Protein backbone atom coordinates (compact mmCIF):
# COMPACT_ATOMS: atom_id res chain seq x y z
CA PRO A 1 67.41 126.73 -80.36
CA ASP A 2 67.55 127.97 -83.93
CA ALA A 3 63.77 128.11 -84.15
CA ILE A 4 60.67 127.89 -81.97
CA ILE A 5 57.31 126.78 -83.34
CA ARG A 6 54.54 128.65 -81.55
CA VAL A 7 50.84 127.77 -81.53
CA ASP A 8 49.02 130.58 -79.74
CA ASP A 9 45.60 129.13 -79.01
CA ALA A 10 43.35 129.25 -75.94
CA ARG A 11 42.74 125.52 -76.26
CA PHE A 12 46.29 124.89 -75.09
CA ALA A 13 46.22 127.15 -72.03
CA GLU A 14 46.09 124.03 -69.85
CA TYR A 15 47.40 120.56 -70.66
CA ARG A 16 44.75 118.32 -72.20
CA THR A 17 45.66 115.00 -73.74
CA ALA A 18 43.59 115.19 -76.93
CA ALA A 19 44.44 118.81 -77.72
CA TYR A 20 48.19 118.42 -77.30
CA THR A 21 48.31 115.06 -79.09
CA ASN A 22 46.39 116.38 -82.09
CA VAL A 23 48.40 119.55 -82.62
CA LEU A 24 51.79 117.90 -82.10
CA THR A 25 50.91 115.05 -84.46
CA ALA A 26 50.10 117.60 -87.17
CA LEU A 27 53.28 119.59 -86.57
CA VAL A 28 55.56 116.55 -86.60
CA LYS A 29 54.00 115.34 -89.85
CA LYS A 30 54.48 118.79 -91.40
CA TYR A 31 58.08 119.43 -90.35
CA GLU A 32 59.28 115.78 -90.42
CA PRO A 33 61.94 116.00 -87.67
CA ASP A 34 64.45 113.19 -87.35
CA ALA A 35 63.91 113.01 -83.58
CA VAL A 36 61.33 114.10 -81.01
CA MET A 37 62.24 114.37 -77.32
CA VAL A 38 59.71 114.88 -74.55
CA SER A 39 60.44 115.54 -70.88
CA ALA A 40 59.46 112.54 -68.71
CA THR A 41 57.18 114.61 -66.51
CA LYS A 42 53.65 113.58 -65.53
CA ASN A 43 52.21 115.27 -68.62
CA GLY A 44 55.09 114.17 -70.84
CA LYS A 45 54.58 110.52 -69.92
CA ASP A 46 50.91 110.87 -70.85
CA LEU A 47 51.57 112.64 -74.14
CA ALA A 48 54.65 110.93 -75.61
CA PRO A 49 53.33 107.35 -76.11
CA ARG A 50 50.10 108.65 -77.64
CA LEU A 51 52.11 110.81 -80.04
CA ALA A 52 54.36 107.87 -80.97
CA ARG A 53 51.32 105.68 -81.68
CA ARG A 54 49.78 108.33 -83.96
CA LEU A 55 53.07 108.66 -85.84
CA GLY A 56 53.62 104.91 -86.14
CA THR A 57 57.05 104.96 -84.54
CA GLY A 58 58.78 103.53 -81.49
CA ILE A 59 59.60 105.29 -78.24
CA THR A 60 62.16 104.79 -75.47
CA ALA A 61 60.99 105.86 -72.00
CA ASN A 62 62.89 107.44 -69.08
CA CYS A 63 66.23 107.94 -70.84
CA THR A 64 69.14 109.17 -68.75
CA GLU A 65 71.81 109.32 -71.48
CA LEU A 66 71.90 109.46 -75.26
CA SER A 67 74.36 109.74 -78.10
CA VAL A 68 73.99 110.23 -81.85
CA GLU A 69 75.87 108.79 -84.81
CA ALA A 70 76.96 111.86 -86.75
CA GLU A 71 76.74 110.35 -90.24
CA SER A 72 73.41 108.50 -90.01
CA GLY A 73 71.71 110.51 -87.25
CA LEU A 74 70.84 107.26 -85.44
CA ILE A 75 70.31 107.93 -81.73
CA SER A 76 71.35 105.50 -78.99
CA TRP A 77 68.83 105.93 -76.16
CA ASN A 78 70.15 104.65 -72.82
CA MET A 79 67.85 103.71 -69.95
CA PRO A 80 68.03 101.53 -66.81
CA ALA A 81 66.40 98.14 -67.32
CA PRO A 82 65.31 95.32 -64.98
CA GLY A 83 68.17 93.20 -63.70
CA GLY A 84 70.45 96.13 -62.91
CA ILE A 85 71.64 96.80 -66.46
CA MET A 86 71.69 99.81 -68.75
CA ALA A 87 69.79 99.11 -71.95
CA THR A 88 70.62 100.84 -75.25
CA ILE A 89 67.65 101.21 -77.58
CA LEU A 90 67.90 101.99 -81.31
CA CYS A 91 65.06 102.94 -83.65
CA SER A 92 66.63 102.23 -87.03
CA ASP A 93 63.53 101.49 -89.13
CA THR A 94 61.05 104.30 -88.44
CA ARG A 95 61.07 108.08 -88.04
CA PRO A 96 60.91 110.19 -86.06
CA GLN A 97 63.03 108.62 -83.35
CA MET A 98 61.32 109.32 -80.03
CA GLY A 99 62.27 109.24 -76.36
CA THR A 100 61.26 110.70 -73.03
CA ILE A 101 64.14 112.25 -71.06
CA CYS A 102 64.29 112.16 -67.25
CA PRO A 103 64.27 115.73 -65.90
CA GLY A 104 67.73 116.66 -64.60
CA ALA A 105 69.57 114.09 -66.73
CA PHE A 106 71.49 116.84 -68.53
CA ARG A 107 72.88 120.11 -67.28
CA LYS A 108 71.37 123.25 -68.75
CA ALA A 109 73.56 124.81 -71.42
CA ASP A 110 74.76 128.35 -70.94
CA SER A 111 72.41 130.79 -72.67
CA VAL A 112 73.71 132.63 -75.71
CA GLN A 113 72.41 136.17 -75.45
CA GLU A 114 73.26 137.19 -78.99
CA ALA A 115 71.69 134.13 -80.60
CA GLU A 116 68.95 134.83 -83.15
CA VAL A 117 65.96 132.54 -82.76
CA GLU A 118 63.36 132.27 -85.51
CA ILE A 119 59.75 132.27 -84.28
CA ILE A 120 57.42 130.26 -86.53
CA ASP A 121 53.72 130.84 -85.90
CA GLU A 122 51.37 127.94 -86.64
CA THR A 123 47.62 127.41 -86.24
CA ALA A 124 45.78 124.34 -85.03
CA GLU A 125 42.98 122.76 -87.01
CA GLU A 126 39.61 121.94 -85.45
CA PHE A 127 39.51 118.58 -83.70
CA GLU A 128 37.31 116.59 -81.35
CA ASP A 129 37.89 117.31 -77.70
CA ASP A 130 38.69 114.54 -75.24
CA GLY A 131 35.45 115.15 -73.36
CA VAL A 132 37.16 115.89 -70.06
CA LYS A 133 35.96 118.95 -68.17
CA LEU A 134 37.76 120.61 -65.31
CA ILE A 135 35.40 120.64 -62.33
CA ARG A 136 37.82 121.90 -59.72
CA GLN A 137 41.08 123.78 -59.50
CA VAL A 138 44.14 123.11 -57.39
CA LEU A 139 45.81 126.28 -56.19
CA ASN A 140 49.57 126.43 -56.44
CA VAL A 141 50.71 126.80 -52.84
CA ARG A 142 54.41 127.35 -52.25
CA ASP A 143 55.96 124.20 -50.81
CA PRO A 144 57.91 125.05 -47.64
CA GLU A 145 60.19 122.04 -48.11
CA LEU A 146 63.44 122.40 -50.02
CA SER A 147 63.19 120.72 -53.43
CA ILE A 148 65.60 117.85 -54.07
CA THR A 149 66.44 119.32 -57.49
CA ASP A 150 67.61 122.60 -55.94
CA ALA A 151 69.43 121.30 -52.86
CA ASP A 152 73.20 121.23 -52.36
CA ILE A 153 72.75 118.55 -49.68
CA ILE A 154 70.25 115.68 -49.77
CA VAL A 155 69.59 113.17 -46.98
CA ALA A 156 67.76 110.17 -48.42
CA GLY A 157 66.26 107.11 -46.78
CA GLY A 158 65.44 103.66 -48.05
CA ARG A 159 63.98 100.33 -46.96
CA GLY A 160 66.64 100.01 -44.28
CA MET A 161 65.00 102.76 -42.22
CA GLY A 162 62.41 100.13 -41.30
CA SER A 163 59.30 102.23 -40.73
CA ALA A 164 57.62 105.57 -41.33
CA GLU A 165 58.39 106.47 -37.71
CA ASN A 166 62.09 105.78 -38.19
CA PHE A 167 62.03 107.79 -41.43
CA GLY A 168 61.39 110.80 -39.22
CA LEU A 169 65.12 110.64 -38.42
CA ILE A 170 65.85 111.43 -42.07
CA ARG A 171 63.74 114.59 -41.86
CA GLU A 172 65.39 115.58 -38.59
CA LEU A 173 68.91 115.11 -39.94
CA ALA A 174 68.02 117.00 -43.11
CA GLY A 175 66.66 119.87 -41.04
CA LEU A 176 69.88 120.16 -39.03
CA LEU A 177 71.97 120.16 -42.22
CA GLY A 178 69.74 122.53 -44.18
CA ALA A 179 69.22 119.67 -46.61
CA ALA A 180 66.38 118.29 -48.73
CA VAL A 181 64.74 114.94 -48.01
CA GLY A 182 65.08 112.20 -50.63
CA ALA A 183 63.73 108.66 -50.84
CA SER A 184 63.96 105.41 -52.75
CA ARG A 185 61.04 103.84 -54.61
CA VAL A 186 60.14 101.36 -51.85
CA VAL A 187 59.76 104.20 -49.34
CA VAL A 188 57.43 106.17 -51.63
CA ASP A 189 55.38 103.03 -52.42
CA ALA A 190 55.00 102.42 -48.67
CA GLU A 191 53.70 106.03 -48.40
CA TRP A 192 56.26 107.05 -45.79
CA VAL A 193 56.88 110.17 -47.92
CA ASP A 194 55.34 111.92 -50.90
CA GLN A 195 56.25 111.15 -54.53
CA LYS A 196 58.05 114.52 -54.81
CA HIS A 197 60.91 113.06 -52.73
CA LEU A 198 61.53 110.13 -55.09
CA ILE A 199 65.01 109.92 -56.60
CA GLY A 200 65.81 107.61 -59.50
CA GLN A 201 64.67 106.49 -62.92
CA THR A 202 60.97 107.02 -62.18
CA GLY A 203 61.58 110.03 -59.94
CA LYS A 204 64.03 112.90 -60.20
CA ILE A 205 67.68 113.04 -61.19
CA VAL A 206 69.70 115.15 -58.77
CA ARG A 207 73.21 116.64 -58.65
CA PRO A 208 73.84 117.69 -55.04
CA LYS A 209 77.26 118.48 -53.61
CA LEU A 210 76.59 115.93 -50.85
CA TYR A 211 74.25 112.93 -50.91
CA ILE A 212 73.77 110.94 -47.70
CA ALA A 213 72.08 107.61 -48.42
CA CYS A 214 70.63 105.95 -45.32
CA GLY A 215 69.52 102.35 -45.59
CA ILE A 216 69.46 102.43 -49.40
CA SER A 217 70.75 99.28 -51.12
CA GLY A 218 71.74 101.01 -54.36
CA ALA A 219 69.65 99.42 -57.11
CA LEU A 220 70.54 100.76 -60.56
CA GLN A 221 67.11 102.36 -60.98
CA HIS A 222 67.87 104.52 -57.92
CA MET A 223 71.53 105.19 -58.62
CA VAL A 224 70.94 106.67 -62.09
CA GLY A 225 69.21 109.47 -60.23
CA VAL A 226 72.14 110.32 -57.97
CA GLU A 227 75.34 109.02 -59.55
CA LYS A 228 76.30 112.56 -60.63
CA ALA A 229 76.41 113.82 -57.04
CA GLU A 230 79.79 115.34 -56.13
CA CYS A 231 80.08 113.24 -52.95
CA ILE A 232 78.08 110.19 -51.85
CA VAL A 233 78.08 108.97 -48.24
CA ALA A 234 76.36 105.59 -47.85
CA ILE A 235 75.20 104.08 -44.55
CA ASN A 236 74.12 100.42 -44.68
CA ARG A 237 74.43 97.37 -42.45
CA ASP A 238 75.19 95.12 -45.46
CA PRO A 239 78.88 95.42 -46.48
CA THR A 240 78.03 93.94 -49.91
CA ALA A 241 75.29 96.51 -50.72
CA PRO A 242 75.66 97.74 -54.33
CA ILE A 243 75.60 101.37 -53.20
CA PHE A 244 79.09 101.02 -51.75
CA GLY A 245 80.34 100.64 -55.32
CA TYR A 246 79.23 104.24 -55.96
CA ALA A 247 80.01 105.77 -52.56
CA ASP A 248 82.92 108.07 -51.77
CA TYR A 249 82.51 107.21 -48.08
CA ALA A 250 81.05 103.92 -46.82
CA VAL A 251 79.70 103.47 -43.29
CA VAL A 252 78.81 99.86 -42.40
CA GLY A 253 76.49 99.51 -39.43
CA ASP A 254 73.01 99.99 -37.97
CA VAL A 255 71.59 102.96 -39.88
CA ILE A 256 69.19 103.93 -37.07
CA LYS A 257 71.98 104.11 -34.48
CA ILE A 258 74.34 105.95 -36.82
CA VAL A 259 71.79 108.56 -37.95
CA SER A 260 70.67 109.07 -34.35
CA ALA A 261 74.30 109.66 -33.31
CA LEU A 262 74.74 112.17 -36.15
CA ILE A 263 71.63 114.05 -35.04
CA GLU A 264 72.85 114.15 -31.44
CA GLN A 265 76.27 115.45 -32.47
CA LEU A 266 74.80 118.16 -34.72
CA ARG A 267 72.46 119.28 -31.96
CA LYS A 268 75.43 119.68 -29.59
CA GLU A 269 77.32 121.74 -32.17
CA LYS A 270 74.33 124.05 -32.62
CA GLU A 271 73.95 124.69 -28.86
């Protein structure tokens, strides 16, 4: 960045909707940026629409790609939409243009050590609190499972795994490969696995070297989260499954039998 605006205030030590919305509204009105981008995290999804409403502008949610017209500064926000299409949203009539960006959608740029960054200190005016008080704390305990955003290999399961019991095969295969466990939306909604394993538009975007998709049909909302993987291996009994259009290797057959055979073979190799 060329500049960072800093508001050093104890009221912002922890995320609170009213506090963050109030201070950011004031800063955007003061500096009048052409565009505001917010990460589509849990807090970002809470904050961004409130900020857009205060500013009287539109917002595009869960963007995975964007481009900008150099002359006009008009941004094309791209996001997966129902029906398996990519929608392009323009905000031509109001400013600032706003969007939430799916974490992992863009690679981090190389840092420039010699870059000079201006630090601008601002203060926040008094405002009414949101009335929410913290009555408990959740301690940050290190998660022993490998995060899907850090993994070189991901083994992911979908509806085709059939049950939470069968999904245990995904965990077992991932363990043998030193891989992370991923999942499609239907699996998370069925509570076979935690939300942290969700890959796709409403989950995480990943870039593993190897992605093994087991019983995943390949809906666009899922594939935007994994299409940048270096190699995709898809296992599905349906030869017309959309995921085969993305896969580098396609395996057509009973996913339970195939994954079980893979586990057996890997166990033999480790003996």
